[in-house]
Protein backbone atom coordinates (compact mmCIF):
# COMPACT_ATOMS: atom_id res chain seq x y z
CA MET A 1 102.53 83.51 146.52
CA ASP A 2 100.99 86.97 146.24
CA THR A 3 98.50 88.07 148.89
CA VAL A 4 95.28 90.07 148.59
CA ARG A 5 93.70 91.43 151.79
CA LEU A 6 89.91 91.34 151.50
CA ALA A 7 87.81 93.17 154.11
CA TYR A 8 84.20 92.40 154.98
CA ARG A 9 81.75 93.48 157.70
CA ASP A 10 79.02 90.86 158.20
CA HIS A 11 79.81 87.20 158.88
CA ASP A 12 76.93 85.99 156.70
CA ARG A 13 79.00 87.24 153.73
CA THR A 14 81.75 84.69 154.40
CA PRO A 15 80.55 81.65 152.37
CA PRO A 16 81.57 82.98 148.95
CA LEU A 17 84.61 84.76 150.38
CA PHE A 18 86.11 81.54 151.73
CA CYS A 19 85.26 79.80 148.45
CA ILE A 20 87.20 82.57 146.66
CA LYS A 21 90.08 82.04 149.07
CA ALA A 22 90.12 78.29 148.43
CA MET A 23 89.97 78.63 144.64
CA ALA A 24 92.63 81.37 144.64
CA GLU A 25 95.11 79.23 146.56
CA LYS A 26 94.35 75.99 144.72
CA HIS A 27 94.25 77.26 141.15
CA TYR A 28 95.66 80.79 140.80
CA ASP A 29 98.72 81.01 143.06
CA LEU A 30 97.09 83.67 145.21
CA ASN A 31 96.55 83.96 148.95
CA VAL A 32 93.38 85.80 149.97
CA ASP A 33 93.65 87.12 153.51
CA ILE A 34 90.07 87.62 154.73
CA ILE A 35 89.81 90.44 157.28
CA HIS A 36 86.78 91.22 159.43
CA VAL A 37 86.27 94.97 159.91
CA GLN A 38 83.04 95.64 161.78
CA GLU A 39 83.36 99.32 162.68
CA ASN A 40 81.90 101.47 159.90
CA ALA A 41 84.49 104.25 159.68
CA ALA A 42 87.35 101.75 159.69
CA TYR A 43 85.67 99.70 156.97
CA GLU A 44 85.02 102.72 154.75
CA SER A 45 88.67 103.75 155.05
CA ALA A 46 90.18 100.29 154.67
CA ILE A 47 91.07 100.33 150.97
CA PHE A 48 92.48 103.85 151.26
CA ASP A 49 94.52 103.69 154.47
CA GLY A 50 96.30 100.41 153.74
CA SER A 51 94.24 98.22 156.06
CA ALA A 52 92.89 96.17 153.15
CA ASP A 53 93.26 95.89 149.40
CA MET A 54 89.63 95.13 148.53
CA ILE A 55 86.14 95.27 150.03
CA CYS A 56 83.18 93.11 149.08
CA GLU A 57 80.08 94.83 150.49
CA HIS A 58 78.73 98.30 151.31
CA THR A 59 80.16 100.24 148.37
CA GLU A 60 77.60 103.04 147.87
CA TYR A 61 79.62 105.53 149.92
CA LEU A 62 82.35 105.36 147.27
CA TYR A 63 80.21 107.44 144.90
CA GLU A 64 80.32 110.35 147.34
CA GLU A 65 84.06 109.91 147.87
CA ALA A 66 84.63 110.18 144.12
CA ALA A 67 82.11 112.98 143.55
CA GLN A 68 83.73 115.10 146.24
CA GLY A 69 87.22 114.43 144.88
CA ARG A 70 88.40 112.86 148.11
CA ARG A 71 89.30 109.27 147.23
CA GLN A 72 88.99 107.31 143.98
CA ALA A 73 87.80 103.70 143.93
CA THR A 74 87.31 101.05 141.26
CA MET A 75 84.36 98.66 141.31
CA PHE A 76 85.08 95.51 139.33
CA LEU A 77 82.75 92.61 140.28
CA CYS A 78 78.97 92.41 140.56
CA PRO A 79 77.94 88.79 141.11
CA VAL A 80 74.41 89.61 142.37
CA ARG A 81 72.22 91.77 140.12
CA ASP A 82 69.00 92.04 142.09
CA THR A 83 67.88 92.95 145.56
CA ASP A 84 67.18 89.83 147.58
CA GLY A 85 64.64 91.54 149.83
CA GLN A 86 61.51 89.40 149.90
CA LEU A 87 58.16 90.96 150.75
CA VAL A 88 56.93 89.29 153.94
CA VAL A 89 53.26 89.65 154.87
CA GLY A 90 50.67 88.10 157.14
CA PRO A 91 48.34 85.23 156.14
CA ALA A 92 45.48 87.64 155.36
CA THR A 93 47.45 89.55 152.71
CA HIS A 94 47.01 87.97 149.30
CA SER A 95 47.99 90.70 146.84
CA ILE A 96 49.81 94.00 146.50
CA GLU A 97 46.44 95.77 146.55
CA ASP A 98 45.82 94.47 150.06
CA LEU A 99 48.73 96.62 151.29
CA ARG A 100 47.30 99.97 150.21
CA GLY A 101 46.57 102.26 153.13
CA LYS A 102 48.66 100.14 155.49
CA ALA A 103 52.12 100.40 157.03
CA ILE A 104 55.38 98.84 155.83
CA ALA A 105 58.22 98.30 158.31
CA VAL A 106 61.58 99.64 157.14
CA ARG A 107 64.90 98.66 158.68
CA ASN A 108 67.01 101.50 160.07
CA ARG A 109 70.22 100.13 158.58
CA GLY A 110 71.49 98.90 155.24
CA ARG A 111 69.87 100.65 152.29
CA PRO A 112 66.45 101.88 153.47
CA HIS A 113 65.97 103.94 150.30
CA ALA A 114 65.88 100.65 148.39
CA ILE A 115 62.57 99.88 150.12
CA ARG A 116 61.11 103.11 148.79
CA MET A 117 62.31 102.15 145.33
CA GLN A 118 60.76 98.69 145.59
CA LEU A 119 57.44 100.18 146.65
CA ARG A 120 57.58 102.59 143.73
CA HIS A 121 58.41 99.64 141.49
CA LEU A 122 55.26 97.94 142.80
CA GLY A 123 53.05 101.01 142.31
CA LEU A 124 52.64 101.52 146.07
CA GLU A 125 54.55 104.78 146.48
CA GLY A 126 52.35 107.21 148.40
CA SER A 127 49.82 104.47 149.15
CA VAL A 128 51.52 103.00 152.19
CA GLU A 129 53.04 104.42 155.37
CA LEU A 130 56.71 103.71 155.98
CA VAL A 131 57.54 102.94 159.61
CA THR A 132 61.20 102.82 160.62
CA VAL A 133 61.86 99.93 162.98
CA ALA A 134 65.34 99.75 164.49
CA ASP A 135 67.31 96.52 164.78
CA GLU A 136 68.03 97.61 168.33
CA ASP A 137 64.33 97.30 169.16
CA VAL A 138 63.47 94.00 167.48
CA GLY A 139 66.75 92.29 166.57
CA ARG A 140 68.72 92.13 163.32
CA TRP A 141 66.36 91.78 160.35
CA ARG A 142 63.40 91.02 162.63
CA GLN A 143 61.21 93.94 161.55
CA TRP A 144 58.66 91.26 160.60
CA GLN A 145 57.64 91.14 164.27
CA THR A 146 55.61 94.31 163.64
CA ILE A 147 53.36 92.25 161.36
CA LEU A 148 52.64 89.84 164.20
CA ASP A 149 51.67 92.65 166.58
CA GLY A 150 49.56 94.42 163.95
CA THR A 151 51.69 97.55 163.69
CA CYS A 152 52.60 96.89 160.05
CA ALA A 153 51.23 94.82 157.19
CA GLY A 154 54.52 93.93 155.55
CA THR A 155 58.28 94.32 155.43
CA PHE A 156 61.21 93.24 153.30
CA VAL A 157 63.54 90.50 154.56
CA PRO A 158 66.59 88.98 152.81
CA CYS A 159 66.58 85.30 151.97
CA LEU A 160 69.40 84.71 154.46
CA ASN A 161 67.31 86.05 157.35
CA ILE A 162 63.81 84.97 156.40
CA ALA A 163 63.53 81.59 158.13
CA PRO A 164 62.30 82.91 161.53
CA ALA A 165 59.57 84.96 159.84
CA LEU A 166 58.27 81.92 158.00
CA GLU A 167 58.45 79.82 161.14
CA ALA A 168 56.31 82.48 162.86
CA GLY A 169 53.53 81.90 160.31
CA LEU A 170 54.22 84.75 157.90
CA ARG A 171 54.52 84.26 154.15
CA VAL A 172 56.31 85.68 151.13
CA LEU A 173 54.28 87.66 148.61
CA PRO A 174 56.01 87.13 145.23
CA ILE A 175 57.08 90.36 143.53
CA PRO A 176 59.34 91.21 140.57
CA PRO A 177 62.98 91.74 141.61
CA LEU A 178 64.52 95.20 141.60
CA GLN A 179 67.83 95.36 139.76
CA LEU A 180 70.64 96.65 141.97
CA ILE A 181 74.32 96.17 142.66
CA GLY A 182 73.46 93.36 145.03
CA HIS A 183 75.53 91.40 147.53
CA PHE A 184 79.28 90.82 147.24
CA PRO A 185 80.21 93.74 144.95
CA HIS A 186 83.98 94.21 144.93
CA ALA A 187 85.91 97.46 145.00
CA CYS A 188 89.48 98.60 145.56
CA ALA A 189 91.36 101.87 145.45
CA SER A 190 91.92 102.93 141.84
CA ASP A 191 95.68 103.23 142.27
CA TYR A 192 95.75 99.64 143.57
CA ALA A 193 93.89 98.39 140.49
CA THR A 194 96.35 100.22 138.24
CA ALA A 195 99.42 98.92 140.06
CA TYR A 196 98.42 95.25 140.22
CA GLU A 197 96.94 94.32 136.85
CA ASP A 198 97.97 90.65 136.89
CA LEU A 199 96.89 90.18 140.49
CA MET A 200 93.48 91.75 139.73
CA LEU A 201 93.03 89.32 136.85
CA ARG A 202 93.93 86.32 139.00
CA TYR A 203 91.61 87.48 141.76
CA THR A 204 88.78 87.89 139.24
CA LYS A 205 89.44 84.34 138.03
CA SER A 206 89.32 83.12 141.63
CA ALA A 207 86.02 84.87 142.29
CA ILE A 208 84.35 83.60 139.13
CA HIS A 209 85.62 80.09 139.91
CA ALA A 210 84.15 80.34 143.42
CA PHE A 211 80.75 81.53 142.17
CA ALA A 212 80.66 78.71 139.63
CA LEU A 213 81.70 76.17 142.26
CA MET A 214 78.85 77.26 144.53
CA LYS A 215 76.34 76.91 141.72
CA LEU A 216 77.62 73.74 140.07
CA ARG A 217 79.56 71.77 142.71
CA ARG A 218 77.36 72.21 145.78
CA THR A 219 78.94 69.41 147.82
CA GLU A 220 82.48 70.67 147.27
CA ALA A 221 81.56 74.25 148.04
CA LEU A 222 79.69 73.22 151.17
CA GLU A 223 82.81 71.47 152.45
CA ILE A 224 84.54 74.85 152.39
CA VAL A 225 81.58 76.72 153.89
CA ALA A 226 81.14 74.17 156.68
CA GLY A 227 84.52 75.18 158.07
CA GLU A 228 85.38 78.71 159.19
CA PRO A 229 82.31 80.40 157.61
CA ALA A 230 79.95 78.15 159.58
CA ARG A 231 81.80 78.96 162.80
CA LEU A 232 81.72 82.70 162.13
CA MET A 233 78.01 82.58 161.23
CA GLY A 234 77.19 80.67 164.42
CA LEU A 235 75.97 77.70 162.38
CA ALA A 236 78.66 75.12 163.06
CA ASN A 237 76.07 72.92 164.79
CA ASN A 238 73.14 73.71 162.51
CA ARG A 239 73.82 72.06 159.18
CA THR A 240 70.24 72.50 157.96
CA GLU A 241 70.29 76.27 158.35
CA LEU A 242 73.83 76.47 156.97
CA GLU A 243 72.73 74.68 153.81
CA ARG A 244 69.63 76.87 153.51
CA GLN A 245 71.70 80.04 153.69
CA PHE A 246 74.30 78.59 151.31
CA ASP A 247 71.56 77.86 148.79
CA CYS A 248 70.25 81.44 149.10
CA ILE A 249 73.68 82.74 148.14
CA ALA A 250 74.40 80.18 145.44
CA GLU A 251 71.11 80.88 143.71
CA SER A 252 71.78 84.63 143.67
CA VAL A 253 75.32 84.75 142.25
CA HIS A 254 76.16 84.85 138.55
CA THR A 255 79.23 83.35 136.92
CA ARG A 256 79.45 86.37 134.61
CA PRO A 257 79.61 89.07 137.30
CA TYR A 258 78.59 92.11 135.27
CA PRO A 259 76.21 94.71 136.68
CA THR A 260 73.17 95.71 134.65
CA PRO A 261 72.62 99.30 133.48
CA ALA A 262 69.42 99.46 135.55
CA GLY A 263 71.29 98.05 138.54
CA ILE A 264 73.94 100.75 138.32
CA ALA A 265 71.29 103.46 137.93
CA ASN A 266 69.20 102.20 140.83
CA THR A 267 72.19 101.82 143.12
CA TYR A 268 73.33 105.33 142.24
CA GLU A 269 69.89 106.63 143.20
CA ILE A 270 70.33 104.96 146.60
CA ALA A 271 73.78 106.51 146.95
CA CYS A 272 72.42 109.98 146.15
CA ALA A 273 69.58 109.56 148.64
CA GLU A 274 71.74 108.29 151.49
CA TRP A 275 75.07 109.98 150.65
CA PRO A 276 73.88 113.29 149.14
CA GLY A 277 77.39 114.30 148.17
CA SER A 278 77.21 111.66 145.44
CA VAL A 279 74.96 113.83 143.28
CA GLY A 280 76.48 114.90 139.99
CA ILE A 281 78.99 112.15 139.28
CA ASN A 282 78.58 109.73 136.39
CA PRO A 283 78.28 106.38 138.23
CA LEU A 284 79.94 104.55 135.35
CA THR A 285 83.23 106.27 136.16
CA LEU A 286 83.69 103.98 139.17
CA TRP A 287 83.28 100.76 137.20
CA ASP A 288 86.07 98.88 135.44
CA LEU A 289 84.91 95.54 134.05
CA HIS A 290 87.80 94.85 131.72
CA TRP A 291 89.07 91.92 133.82
CA VAL A 292 85.68 90.19 133.64
CA LYS A 293 85.34 91.02 129.95
CA GLN A 294 88.82 89.73 129.15
CA LEU A 295 88.05 86.40 130.79
CA ASP A 296 84.66 86.27 129.11
CA ASP A 297 86.11 87.07 125.68
CA GLU A 298 88.87 84.48 126.11
CA GLY A 299 86.30 81.77 126.87
CA PHE A 300 87.57 81.28 130.43
CA ILE A 301 84.10 81.45 131.98
CA GLU A 302 82.47 79.16 129.41
CA LYS A 303 85.24 76.55 129.74
CA LEU A 304 85.16 76.72 133.54
CA VAL A 305 81.41 76.19 133.68
CA ALA A 306 81.67 73.26 131.28
CA GLN A 307 84.44 71.72 133.35
CA LEU A 308 82.51 72.03 136.60
CA ARG A 309 79.38 70.60 135.02
CA ALA A 310 81.23 67.54 133.73
């Protein structure tokens, strides 16, 4: 059985990864070795130094690598097409207009430029003050605490991390989604993609099967997620929260994992803002979707979805 080594950073990414692993082994004669790489420099080098074959999050830096002619990567899966940042506000905020002239808390990690883009998308650019609030000061994704103390009027929190904010009495202000290369984008070194065509196709089948399983066979997928992913996420004894986070992920993934043109453009803007060396490259040069398209054209995705719905 062939092996693919898949690196990730954050444990809350593991539910779909372990579903991919299970589908790969069961249906596509492929072993997916899931590797946790927390340290940033090691993660960003993993697909180039032989530590891993693929990565499944934090891919924006690859634009700069390619633009500077250092290392060439291939992006090939985009199961999530929108940002999942939800606008969290206090009970007294009822509309976007209520935020004008006030402060918005911005996380110091991740993709902070995406917040600026969302505010521009909402017509608030220049009308609000952006206040950087470090995880080290409030806890991971707990910038919403600045709403409680009156420092800020709103912040953006992912679905996975939003439960404590709602429990504290805050609320979500519905807004249109911003198209991005969202969670779980996959990339590998370009020479790896060229050398392992059949393996790339089987991995793509495994991933699509996993996304479909999460959406259409919730009970079966949860059996997988309740194992090692739940332990890694610290939720082995909290089934309610595990299911809530699973549902956040399952709702966001698509069984046809193509990026949108706007998503590629918006993500490239983020890359240029946060990795300035990215400027000047055509972002499409990093994408190769022929494995997804082949499976789509052959009817694999349509037949799989029909089978799982039966």
